[in-house]
PDB file of N, CA and C in Angstrom:
ATOM      1  N   UNK A   1       0.762  -1.174  -0.028  1.00  0.00           N
ATOM      2  CA  UNK A   1      -0.033   0.226  -0.025  1.00  0.00           C
ATOM      3  C   UNK A   1       0.806   1.223   0.139  1.00  0.00           C
ATOM      4  N   UNK A   2       0.426   2.277  -0.881  1.00  0.00           N
ATOM      5  CA  UNK A   2       1.076   3.473  -0.696  1.00  0.00           C
ATOM      6  C   UNK A   2       0.585   4.667  -0.126  1.00  0.00           C
ATOM      7  N   UNK A   3       1.363   5.319   0.796  1.00  0.00           N
ATOM      8  CA  UNK A   3       0.949   6.654   1.629  1.00  0.00           C
ATOM      9  C   UNK A   3       1.143   7.830   0.471  1.00  0.00           C
ATOM     10  N   UNK A   4       0.291   8.538   0.925  1.00  0.00           N
ATOM     11  CA  UNK A   4      -0.016   9.645  -0.416  1.00  0.00           C
ATOM     12  C   UNK A   4      -0.339  11.060   0.581  1.00  0.00           C
ATOM     13  N   UNK A   5       0.427  11.938   0.404  1.00  0.00           N
ATOM     14  CA  UNK A   5       0.279  13.023   0.991  1.00  0.00           C
ATOM     15  C   UNK A   5      -0.409  14.321   0.144  1.00  0.00           C
ATOM     16  N   UNK A   6      -1.285  14.614   0.776  1.00  0.00           N
ATOM     17  CA  UNK A   6      -2.231  15.729  -0.232  1.00  0.00           C
ATOM     18  C   UNK A   6      -2.556  16.993   0.552  1.00  0.00           C
ATOM     19  N   UNK A   7      -2.371  17.992  -0.192  1.00  0.00           N
ATOM     20  CA  UNK A   7      -2.520  19.194   0.385  1.00  0.00           C
ATOM     21  C   UNK A   7      -3.682  19.842  -0.069  1.00  0.00           C
ATOM     22  N   UNK A   8      -4.577  20.144   0.984  1.00  0.00           N
ATOM     23  CA  UNK A   8      -5.912  20.844   0.727  1.00  0.00           C
ATOM     24  C   UNK A   8      -5.974  22.217   1.820  1.00  0.00           C
ATOM     25  N   UNK A   9      -6.865  22.890   1.272  1.00  0.00           N
ATOM     26  CA  UNK A   9      -7.057  24.113   2.110  1.00  0.00           C
ATOM     27  C   UNK A   9      -7.529  23.473   3.349  1.00  0.00           C
ATOM     28  N   UNK A  10      -7.439  24.382   4.488  1.00  0.00           N
ATOM     29  CA  UNK A  10      -8.041  23.765   5.847  1.00  0.00           C
ATOM     30  C   UNK A  10      -9.469  23.863   5.783  1.00  0.00           C
ATOM     31  N   UNK A  11     -10.240  24.625   5.215  1.00  0.00           N
ATOM     32  CA  UNK A  11     -11.662  24.402   5.124  1.00  0.00           C
ATOM     33  C   UNK A  11     -12.081  23.401   4.496  1.00  0.00           C
ATOM     34  N   UNK A  12     -11.792  23.203   3.341  1.00  0.00           N
ATOM     35  CA  UNK A  12     -11.893  21.696   2.665  1.00  0.00           C
ATOM     36  C   UNK A  12     -11.635  20.673   3.335  1.00  0.00           C
ATOM     37  N   UNK A  13     -10.751  20.634   4.060  1.00  0.00           N
ATOM     38  CA  UNK A  13     -10.133  19.481   4.938  1.00  0.00           C
ATOM     39  C   UNK A  13     -11.349  19.311   5.937  1.00  0.00           C
ATOM     40  N   UNK A  14     -11.561  20.355   6.789  1.00  0.00           N
ATOM     41  CA  UNK A  14     -12.770  20.393   7.806  1.00  0.00           C
ATOM     42  C   UNK A  14     -13.993  19.932   7.234  1.00  0.00           C
ATOM     43  N   UNK A  15     -14.417  20.304   5.985  1.00  0.00           N
ATOM     44  CA  UNK A  15     -15.603  19.679   5.237  1.00  0.00           C
ATOM     45  C   UNK A  15     -15.674  18.093   5.090  1.00  0.00           C
ATOM     46  N   UNK A  16     -14.456  17.601   4.372  1.00  0.00           N
ATOM     47  CA  UNK A  16     -14.090  16.556   4.307  1.00  0.00           C
ATOM     48  C   UNK A  16     -14.217  15.523   5.677  1.00  0.00           C
ATOM     49  N   UNK A  17     -13.571  16.138   6.453  1.00  0.00           N
ATOM     50  CA  UNK A  17     -13.858  15.345   7.969  1.00  0.00           C
ATOM     51  C   UNK A  17     -15.134  15.442   8.571  1.00  0.00           C
ATOM     52  N   UNK A  18     -15.766  16.311   8.358  1.00  0.00           N
ATOM     53  CA  UNK A  18     -17.307  16.460   8.599  1.00  0.00           C
ATOM     54  C   UNK A  18     -17.996  15.444   7.834  1.00  0.00           C
ATOM     55  N   UNK A  19     -17.853  15.488   6.468  1.00  0.00           N
ATOM     56  CA  UNK A  19     -18.591  14.550   5.638  1.00  0.00           C
ATOM     57  C   UNK A  19     -18.159  12.976   6.119  1.00  0.00           C
ATOM     58  N   UNK A  20     -16.937  12.576   6.611  1.00  0.00           N
ATOM     59  CA  UNK A  20     -16.501  11.300   6.755  1.00  0.00           C
ATOM     60  C   UNK A  20     -17.153  11.127   8.357  1.00  0.00           C
ATOM     61  N   UNK A  21     -16.978  11.792   9.055  1.00  0.00           N
ATOM     62  CA  UNK A  21     -17.804  11.573  10.505  1.00  0.00           C
ATOM     63  C   UNK A  21     -19.153  11.301  10.211  1.00  0.00           C
ATOM     64  N   UNK A  22     -19.867  12.225   9.365  1.00  0.00           N
ATOM     65  CA  UNK A  22     -21.410  11.996   9.183  1.00  0.00           C
ATOM     66  C   UNK A  22     -21.624  10.562   8.459  1.00  0.00           C
ATOM     67  N   UNK A  23     -20.701   9.908   7.921  1.00  0.00           N
ATOM     68  CA  UNK A  23     -20.945   8.473   7.214  1.00  0.00           C
ATOM     69  C   UNK A  23     -20.150   7.612   8.061  1.00  0.00           C
ATOM     70  N   UNK A  24     -19.681   8.007   9.116  1.00  0.00           N
ATOM     71  CA  UNK A  24     -18.904   6.931  10.200  1.00  0.00           C
ATOM     72  C   UNK A  24     -17.707   6.224   9.739  1.00  0.00           C
ATOM     73  N   UNK A  25     -17.025   6.964   9.009  1.00  0.00           N
ATOM     74  CA  UNK A  25     -15.576   6.332   8.506  1.00  0.00           C
ATOM     75  C   UNK A  25     -14.488   7.286   8.555  1.00  0.00           C
ATOM     76  N   UNK A  26     -13.502   7.271   8.316  1.00  0.00           N
ATOM     77  CA  UNK A  26     -12.221   8.083   8.612  1.00  0.00           C
ATOM     78  C   UNK A  26     -12.079   8.698   7.046  1.00  0.00           C
ATOM     79  N   UNK A  27     -11.270   9.810   7.327  1.00  0.00           N
ATOM     80  CA  UNK A  27     -11.195  10.541   6.137  1.00  0.00           C
ATOM     81  C   UNK A  27     -10.366   9.890   4.905  1.00  0.00           C
ATOM     82  N   UNK A  28      -9.347   9.164   5.374  1.00  0.00           N
ATOM     83  CA  UNK A  28      -8.735   8.264   4.658  1.00  0.00           C
ATOM     84  C   UNK A  28      -9.521   7.109   3.998  1.00  0.00           C
ATOM     85  N   UNK A  29     -10.753   6.627   4.519  1.00  0.00           N
ATOM     86  CA  UNK A  29     -11.457   5.683   3.814  1.00  0.00           C
ATOM     87  C   UNK A  29     -12.353   6.443   3.061  1.00  0.00           C
ATOM     88  N   UNK A  30     -12.961   7.645   3.233  1.00  0.00           N
ATOM     89  CA  UNK A  30     -13.512   8.463   2.350  1.00  0.00           C
ATOM     90  C   UNK A  30     -13.158   8.804   0.999  1.00  0.00           C
ATOM     91  N   UNK A  31     -11.645   9.161   1.317  1.00  0.00           N
ATOM     92  CA  UNK A  31     -10.840   9.564   0.020  1.00  0.00           C
ATOM     93  C   UNK A  31     -10.623   8.148  -0.890  1.00  0.00           C
ATOM     94  N   UNK A  32     -10.383   7.228  -0.179  1.00  0.00           N
ATOM     95  CA  UNK A  32     -10.101   5.783  -0.848  1.00  0.00           C
ATOM     96  C   UNK A  32     -11.583   5.523  -1.661  1.00  0.00           C
ATOM     97  N   UNK A  33     -12.547   5.651  -0.903  1.00  0.00           N
ATOM     98  CA  UNK A  33     -13.896   5.525  -1.802  1.00  0.00           C
ATOM     99  C   UNK A  33     -13.932   6.443  -2.884  1.00  0.00           C
ATOM    100  N   UNK A  34     -13.962   7.715  -2.653  1.00  0.00           N
ATOM    101  CA  UNK A  34     -14.002   8.520  -3.735  1.00  0.00           C
ATOM    102  C   UNK A  34     -13.007   8.325  -4.838  1.00  0.00           C
ATOM    103  N   UNK A  35     -11.725   7.919  -4.471  1.00  0.00           N
ATOM    104  CA  UNK A  35     -10.696   7.548  -5.754  1.00  0.00           C
ATOM    105  C   UNK A  35     -11.459   6.234  -6.272  1.00  0.00           C
ATOM    106  N   UNK A  36     -12.105   5.282  -5.557  1.00  0.00           N
ATOM    107  CA  UNK A  36     -12.656   4.191  -6.420  1.00  0.00           C
ATOM    108  C   UNK A  36     -13.734   4.431  -7.286  1.00  0.00           C
ATOM    109  N   UNK A  37     -14.553   5.224  -6.961  1.00  0.00           N
ATOM    110  CA  UNK A  37     -15.735   5.893  -7.876  1.00  0.00           C
ATOM    111  C   UNK A  37     -15.260   6.690  -9.066  1.00  0.00           C
ATOM    112  N   UNK A  38     -14.246   7.339  -8.760  1.00  0.00           N
ATOM    113  CA  UNK A  38     -13.533   8.372  -9.926  1.00  0.00           C
ATOM    114  C   UNK A  38     -13.165   7.369 -10.881  1.00  0.00           C
ATOM    115  N   UNK A  39     -12.403   6.277 -10.380  1.00  0.00           N
ATOM    116  CA  UNK A  39     -11.608   5.073 -11.354  1.00  0.00           C
ATOM    117  C   UNK A  39     -12.634   4.355 -12.225  1.00  0.00           C
ATOM    118  N   UNK A  40     -13.785   4.173 -11.286  1.00  0.00           N
ATOM    119  CA  UNK A  40     -14.801   3.423 -12.148  1.00  0.00           C
ATOM    120  C   UNK A  40     -15.381   4.524 -13.192  1.00  0.00           C
ATOM    121  N   UNK A  41     -15.730   5.501 -12.899  1.00  0.00           N
ATOM    122  CA  UNK A  41     -16.126   6.328 -13.903  1.00  0.00           C
ATOM    123  C   UNK A  41     -15.317   6.482 -15.211  1.00  0.00           C
ATOM    124  N   UNK A  42     -13.801   6.802 -14.775  1.00  0.00           N
ATOM    125  CA  UNK A  42     -12.876   6.682 -15.852  1.00  0.00           C
ATOM    126  C   UNK A  42     -12.861   5.436 -16.877  1.00  0.00           C
ATOM    127  N   UNK A  43     -12.855   4.255 -16.110  1.00  0.00           N
ATOM    128  CA  UNK A  43     -12.841   3.102 -16.693  1.00  0.00           C
ATOM    129  C   UNK A  43     -14.121   2.847 -17.557  1.00  0.00           C
ATOM    130  N   UNK A  44     -15.304   3.360 -17.113  1.00  0.00           N
ATOM    131  CA  UNK A  44     -16.440   3.292 -18.138  1.00  0.00           C
ATOM    132  C   UNK A  44     -16.547   4.097 -19.279  1.00  0.00           C
ATOM    133  N   UNK A  45     -16.013   5.459 -19.068  1.00  0.00           N
ATOM    134  CA  UNK A  45     -15.841   6.139 -20.275  1.00  0.00           C
ATOM    135  C   UNK A  45     -14.914   5.902 -20.959  1.00  0.00           C
ATOM    136  N   UNK A  46     -13.827   5.276 -20.799  1.00  0.00           N
ATOM    137  CA  UNK A  46     -12.514   4.658 -21.699  1.00  0.00           C
ATOM    138  C   UNK A  46     -13.473   3.496 -22.142  1.00  0.00           C
ATOM    139  N   UNK A  47     -14.097   2.787 -21.795  1.00  0.00           N
ATOM    140  CA  UNK A  47     -14.719   1.595 -22.484  1.00  0.00           C
ATOM    141  C   UNK A  47     -15.643   2.254 -23.617  1.00  0.00           C
ATOM    142  N   UNK A  48     -16.566   3.110 -23.110  1.00  0.00           N
ATOM    143  CA  UNK A  48     -17.350   3.796 -24.183  1.00  0.00           C
ATOM    144  C   UNK A  48     -16.832   4.483 -25.429  1.00  0.00           C
ATOM    145  N   UNK A  49     -15.503   4.970 -24.866  1.00  0.00           N
ATOM    146  CA  UNK A  49     -15.038   5.686 -26.280  1.00  0.00           C
ATOM    147  C   UNK A  49     -14.526   4.605 -27.129  1.00  0.00           C
ATOM    148  N   UNK A  50     -13.780   3.612 -26.416  1.00  0.00           N
ATOM    149  CA  UNK A  50     -13.070   2.406 -27.300  1.00  0.00           C
ATOM    150  C   UNK A  50     -14.266   1.734 -28.262  1.00  0.00           C
ATOM    151  N   UNK A  51     -15.592   1.777 -27.689  1.00  0.00           N
ATOM    152  CA  UNK A  51     -16.545   1.094 -28.377  1.00  0.00           C
ATOM    153  C   UNK A  51     -17.056   2.171 -29.400  1.00  0.00           C
ATOM    154  N   UNK A  52     -17.236   3.431 -29.325  1.00  0.00           N
ATOM    155  CA  UNK A  52     -17.569   4.335 -29.946  1.00  0.00           C
ATOM    156  C   UNK A  52     -16.637   4.549 -31.696  1.00  0.00           C
ATOM    157  N   UNK A  53     -15.401   4.348 -31.102  1.00  0.00           N
ATOM    158  CA  UNK A  53     -14.204   4.168 -32.034  1.00  0.00           C
ATOM    159  C   UNK A  53     -14.462   3.019 -33.009  1.00  0.00           C
ATOM    160  N   UNK A  54     -14.747   1.969 -32.549  1.00  0.00           N
ATOM    161  CA  UNK A  54     -15.001   0.584 -33.258  1.00  0.00           C
ATOM    162  C   UNK A  54     -16.202   0.952 -33.983  1.00  0.00           C
ATOM    163  N   UNK A  55     -17.355   1.545 -33.751  1.00  0.00           N
ATOM    164  CA  UNK A  55     -18.232   1.460 -34.363  1.00  0.00           C
ATOM    165  C   UNK A  55     -18.562   2.646 -35.606  1.00  0.00           C
ATOM    166  N   UNK A  56     -17.246   3.432 -35.567  1.00  0.00           N
ATOM    167  CA  UNK A  56     -17.290   4.597 -36.570  1.00  0.00           C
ATOM    168  C   UNK A  56     -17.683   3.877 -37.955  1.00  0.00           C
ATOM    169  N   UNK A  57     -18.431   4.579 -38.861  1.00  0.00           N
ATOM    170  CA  UNK A  57     -18.613   4.157 -39.991  1.00  0.00           C
ATOM    171  C   UNK A  57     -19.623   2.966 -39.952  1.00  0.00           C
ATOM    172  N   UNK A  58     -20.293   2.643 -39.098  1.00  0.00           N
ATOM    173  CA  UNK A  58     -20.989   1.494 -38.933  1.00  0.00           C
ATOM    174  C   UNK A  58     -22.364   2.122 -38.482  1.00  0.00           C
ATOM    175  N   UNK A  59     -22.596   3.179 -38.614  1.00  0.00           N
ATOM    176  CA  UNK A  59     -23.658   4.087 -37.890  1.00  0.00           C
ATOM    177  C   UNK A  59     -25.266   3.545 -38.263  1.00  0.00           C
ATOM    178  N   UNK A  60     -25.288   3.007 -39.627  1.00  0.00           N
ATOM    179  CA  UNK A  60     -26.344   2.598 -40.386  1.00  0.00           C
ATOM    180  C   UNK A  60     -26.686   1.270 -39.687  1.00  0.00           C
ATOM    181  N   UNK A  61     -25.821   0.267 -39.466  1.00  0.00           N
ATOM    182  CA  UNK A  61     -25.982  -1.151 -38.964  1.00  0.00           C
ATOM    183  C   UNK A  61     -26.294  -0.793 -37.463  1.00  0.00           C
ATOM    184  N   UNK A  62     -25.778   0.039 -36.959  1.00  0.00           N
ATOM    185  CA  UNK A  62     -26.007   0.347 -35.317  1.00  0.00           C
ATOM    186  C   UNK A  62     -27.717   0.629 -35.219  1.00  0.00           C
ATOM    187  N   UNK A  63     -28.127   1.728 -36.134  1.00  0.00           N
ATOM    188  CA  UNK A  63     -29.356   2.063 -36.102  1.00  0.00           C
ATOM    189  C   UNK A  63     -30.439   1.319 -36.725  1.00  0.00           C
ATOM    190  N   UNK A  64     -30.074   0.109 -37.518  1.00  0.00           N
ATOM    191  CA  UNK A  64     -30.983  -0.852 -37.810  1.00  0.00           C
ATOM    192  C   UNK A  64     -31.121  -1.981 -36.589  1.00  0.00           C
ATOM    193  N   UNK A  65     -30.060  -2.401 -36.096  1.00  0.00           N
ATOM    194  CA  UNK A  65     -29.866  -3.158 -34.770  1.00  0.00           C
ATOM    195  C   UNK A  65     -31.088  -2.655 -33.565  1.00  0.00           C
ATOM    196  N   UNK A  66     -31.057  -1.147 -33.466  1.00  0.00           N
ATOM    197  CA  UNK A  66     -31.946  -0.778 -32.649  1.00  0.00           C
ATOM    198  C   UNK A  66     -33.447  -0.425 -33.173  1.00  0.00           C
ATOM    199  N   UNK A  67     -33.580  -0.699 -34.243  1.00  0.00           N
ATOM    200  CA  UNK A  67     -34.980  -0.486 -35.154  1.00  0.00           C
ATOM    201  C   UNK A  67     -35.565  -1.941 -34.806  1.00  0.00           C
ATOM    202  N   UNK A  68     -34.529  -3.069 -35.042  1.00  0.00           N
ATOM    203  CA  UNK A  68     -35.082  -4.423 -34.656  1.00  0.00           C
ATOM    204  C   UNK A  68     -35.077  -4.794 -33.460  1.00  0.00           C
ATOM    205  N   UNK A  69     -34.497  -4.246 -32.594  1.00  0.00           N
ATOM    206  CA  UNK A  69     -34.698  -4.518 -31.007  1.00  0.00           C
ATOM    207  C   UNK A  69     -36.000  -3.811 -30.501  1.00  0.00           C
ATOM    208  N   UNK A  70     -36.229  -2.665 -31.301  1.00  0.00           N
ATOM    209  CA  UNK A  70     -37.440  -1.895 -30.642  1.00  0.00           C
ATOM    210  C   UNK A  70     -38.765  -2.450 -31.372  1.00  0.00           C
ATOM    211  N   UNK A  71     -38.605  -3.381 -32.450  1.00  0.00           N
ATOM    212  CA  UNK A  71     -39.942  -3.812 -33.089  1.00  0.00           C
ATOM    213  C   UNK A  71     -40.686  -4.839 -32.059  1.00  0.00           C
ATOM    214  N   UNK A  72     -42.006  -4.641 -32.219  1.00  0.00           N
ATOM    215  CA  UNK A  72     -42.581  -5.776 -31.323  1.00  0.00           C
ATOM    216  C   UNK A  72     -42.271  -7.390 -32.011  1.00  0.00           C
ATOM    217  N   UNK A  73     -42.385  -8.316 -31.156  1.00  0.00           N
ATOM    218  CA  UNK A  73     -42.064  -9.529 -31.022  1.00  0.00           C
ATOM    219  C   UNK A  73     -42.952 -10.249 -32.310  1.00  0.00           C
ATOM    220  N   UNK A  74     -42.601 -11.078 -32.929  1.00  0.00           N
ATOM    221  CA  UNK A  74     -43.248 -11.790 -34.115  1.00  0.00           C
ATOM    222  C   UNK A  74     -44.128 -12.925 -33.186  1.00  0.00           C
ATOM    223  N   UNK A  75     -45.439 -13.013 -33.741  1.00  0.00           N
ATOM    224  CA  UNK A  75     -46.318 -14.058 -32.889  1.00  0.00           C
ATOM    225  C   UNK A  75     -45.772 -15.391 -33.385  1.00  0.00           C
TER     226      UNK A  75
END
């Protein structure tokens, strides 16, 4: 595990500490959870961009698939 020193304005640290206390956790745990959420968001965005790049030039095919998926099922 790595130790990380972060410099924050005093008022921001006090607010983070109050938030952590309100959630029943340490500031360290709060920051760890925030980092986890941000990394998950970044990973999702990266996957979305990669898929969008693979689909370039295939817009008509994608729209046809959407149309097929939204059509009522055959009896």
